[in-house]
Protein backbone atom coordinates (compact mmCIF):
# COMPACT_ATOMS: atom_id res chain seq x y z
CA MET A 1 -101.35 114.65 -68.08
CA LYS A 2 -104.22 112.44 -66.92
CA ASN A 3 -104.27 112.06 -63.13
CA ASN A 4 -106.49 109.00 -62.79
CA LEU A 5 -106.05 105.46 -64.01
CA VAL A 6 -108.88 103.00 -64.61
CA LEU A 7 -107.91 99.34 -64.92
CA ILE A 8 -110.42 97.09 -66.71
CA SER A 9 -110.26 93.33 -67.12
CA HIS A 10 -111.86 89.95 -67.34
CA GLY A 11 -112.41 88.69 -63.82
CA ARG A 12 -110.60 90.30 -60.92
CA PHE A 13 -107.25 90.67 -62.67
CA CYS A 14 -107.48 94.48 -62.56
CA GLU A 15 -108.23 94.46 -58.83
CA GLU A 16 -105.27 92.22 -58.08
CA LEU A 17 -103.02 94.25 -60.37
CA LYS A 18 -103.91 97.34 -58.36
CA ASN A 19 -103.26 95.42 -55.12
CA SER A 20 -99.83 94.35 -56.39
CA ALA A 21 -98.96 97.91 -57.40
CA GLU A 22 -100.02 99.15 -53.96
CA MET A 23 -97.87 96.48 -52.32
CA ILE A 24 -94.87 98.03 -54.06
CA MET A 25 -95.82 101.72 -54.29
CA GLY A 26 -98.26 102.27 -51.42
CA LYS A 27 -101.97 103.10 -51.48
CA GLN A 28 -103.20 104.61 -54.75
CA ASP A 29 -106.39 106.64 -54.41
CA ASN A 30 -106.33 107.66 -58.07
CA ILE A 31 -106.44 104.12 -59.50
CA TYR A 32 -109.85 102.55 -60.07
CA THR A 33 -110.85 99.09 -61.23
CA VAL A 34 -113.75 97.71 -63.23
CA SER A 35 -114.00 93.93 -63.48
CA LEU A 36 -116.12 91.96 -65.92
CA LEU A 37 -117.27 89.05 -63.80
CA PRO A 38 -118.47 85.68 -65.18
CA SER A 39 -122.04 86.41 -64.08
CA GLU A 40 -122.13 89.75 -65.95
CA GLY A 41 -122.71 90.77 -69.52
CA PRO A 42 -121.39 93.67 -71.58
CA GLU A 43 -124.12 96.07 -70.44
CA ASP A 44 -123.36 95.35 -66.77
CA PHE A 45 -119.70 96.11 -67.37
CA LYS A 46 -120.47 99.30 -69.32
CA LYS A 47 -122.76 100.51 -66.52
CA LYS A 48 -120.08 99.87 -63.86
CA PHE A 49 -117.43 101.60 -65.95
CA PHE A 50 -119.45 104.78 -66.43
CA GLU A 51 -120.47 104.85 -62.76
CA ILE A 52 -116.75 105.00 -61.91
CA VAL A 53 -115.61 107.52 -64.52
CA GLU A 54 -118.53 109.95 -64.18
CA GLU A 55 -116.86 111.23 -61.00
CA LEU A 56 -113.44 111.67 -62.64
CA ASP A 57 -112.30 114.82 -64.43
CA ASP A 58 -109.67 113.00 -66.44
CA TYR A 59 -108.47 109.45 -66.73
CA ILE A 60 -106.56 106.87 -68.76
CA VAL A 61 -107.83 103.32 -69.20
CA PHE A 62 -105.61 100.24 -69.21
CA ALA A 63 -107.32 97.04 -70.45
CA ASP A 64 -106.10 93.51 -70.00
CA LEU A 65 -106.56 92.26 -73.54
CA MET A 66 -106.94 93.79 -76.99
CA GLY A 67 -110.09 92.36 -78.55
CA GLY A 68 -111.55 91.21 -75.23
CA THR A 69 -114.97 92.34 -74.05
CA PRO A 70 -113.81 95.06 -71.63
CA CYS A 71 -111.55 96.62 -74.26
CA ASN A 72 -114.18 96.24 -76.98
CA ILE A 73 -116.85 97.96 -74.91
CA ILE A 74 -114.65 101.01 -74.31
CA SER A 75 -113.45 100.94 -77.94
CA LYS A 76 -117.07 101.26 -79.07
CA GLU A 77 -117.44 104.32 -76.84
CA ILE A 78 -114.37 105.86 -78.51
CA LEU A 79 -115.88 105.12 -81.93
CA ALA A 80 -119.08 106.82 -80.75
CA GLY A 81 -117.08 110.00 -80.03
CA LYS A 82 -116.12 109.70 -76.36
CA ASP A 83 -112.68 111.15 -75.56
CA ILE A 84 -111.11 108.17 -73.79
CA LEU A 85 -107.43 107.18 -73.80
CA LEU A 86 -107.39 103.37 -73.91
CA TYR A 87 -104.36 101.08 -73.86
CA ALA A 88 -104.56 97.29 -74.04
CA GLY A 89 -102.11 94.70 -72.73
CA MET A 90 -101.68 96.17 -69.27
CA ASN A 91 -99.05 94.84 -66.92
CA LEU A 92 -97.58 95.76 -63.55
CA PRO A 93 -94.63 97.77 -64.96
CA MET A 94 -97.12 99.96 -66.88
CA VAL A 95 -99.06 100.69 -63.70
CA ILE A 96 -95.88 101.44 -61.76
CA SER A 97 -94.71 103.73 -64.58
CA PHE A 98 -98.02 105.61 -64.38
CA ILE A 99 -97.63 105.96 -60.59
CA ASN A 100 -94.01 107.14 -60.89
CA GLY A 101 -95.05 109.75 -63.45
CA GLU A 102 -97.67 111.05 -61.06
CA LEU A 103 -95.20 111.11 -58.15
CA VAL A 104 -92.65 113.25 -59.99
CA ASN A 105 -95.21 115.10 -62.12
CA ILE A 106 -93.90 114.00 -65.50
CA GLU A 107 -95.56 112.30 -68.45
CA SER A 108 -94.52 108.66 -68.22
CA ASP A 109 -94.11 106.42 -71.25
CA PHE A 110 -95.91 103.49 -69.65
CA VAL A 111 -96.31 101.64 -72.96
CA VAL A 112 -92.54 101.58 -73.54
CA ASP A 113 -91.93 100.74 -69.88
CA GLY A 114 -94.42 97.88 -70.08
CA LYS A 115 -92.84 96.49 -73.26
CA ASN A 116 -89.28 96.91 -71.97
CA SER A 117 -90.06 94.87 -68.87
CA ILE A 118 -90.68 91.75 -70.96
CA CYS A 119 -87.54 89.67 -71.21
CA ASP A 120 -86.16 86.16 -71.25
CA VAL A 121 -84.55 86.09 -67.80
CA GLY A 122 -82.64 82.89 -68.44
CA LYS A 123 -81.09 84.36 -71.59
CA LEU A 124 -80.12 87.54 -69.73
CA ILE A 125 -78.47 85.53 -66.94
CA ILE A 126 -76.48 83.44 -69.43
CA GLU A 127 -75.44 86.53 -71.40
CA ASP A 128 -74.34 88.20 -68.16
CA LEU A 129 -72.34 85.13 -67.13
CA GLU A 130 -70.70 84.97 -70.56
CA PHE A 131 -69.81 88.68 -70.31
CA GLU A 132 -68.20 88.11 -66.90
CA ASP A 133 -66.11 85.25 -68.33
CA ASP A 134 -64.59 87.50 -71.02
């Protein structure tokens, strides 16, 4: 099990995602962020990423968007032979699932948890109301 999580994104999305997770789950010293800012290019991002991960023994990377620059930069490193676990499409339930797995020392299925959290709330409410009427 990987004990560190690195969130990467366009802009400060990854930083705010970490802040939101900490609002719910408390401070997370094993979650790191690397933002691609508008004033930066791919090489700036790559440099920042490797400055963060060079201190980590093991880590998983969550990216905001498949095909976006942050994800593409790390994908190229994987293609070059680096052993990096990279998942795209990150969301808050994925991060919370990772944290929960760490808390209880189990391998979490954060991809499934992230997907399962996506729902049409209005449809669920109507279905629930219809069920109650039966």
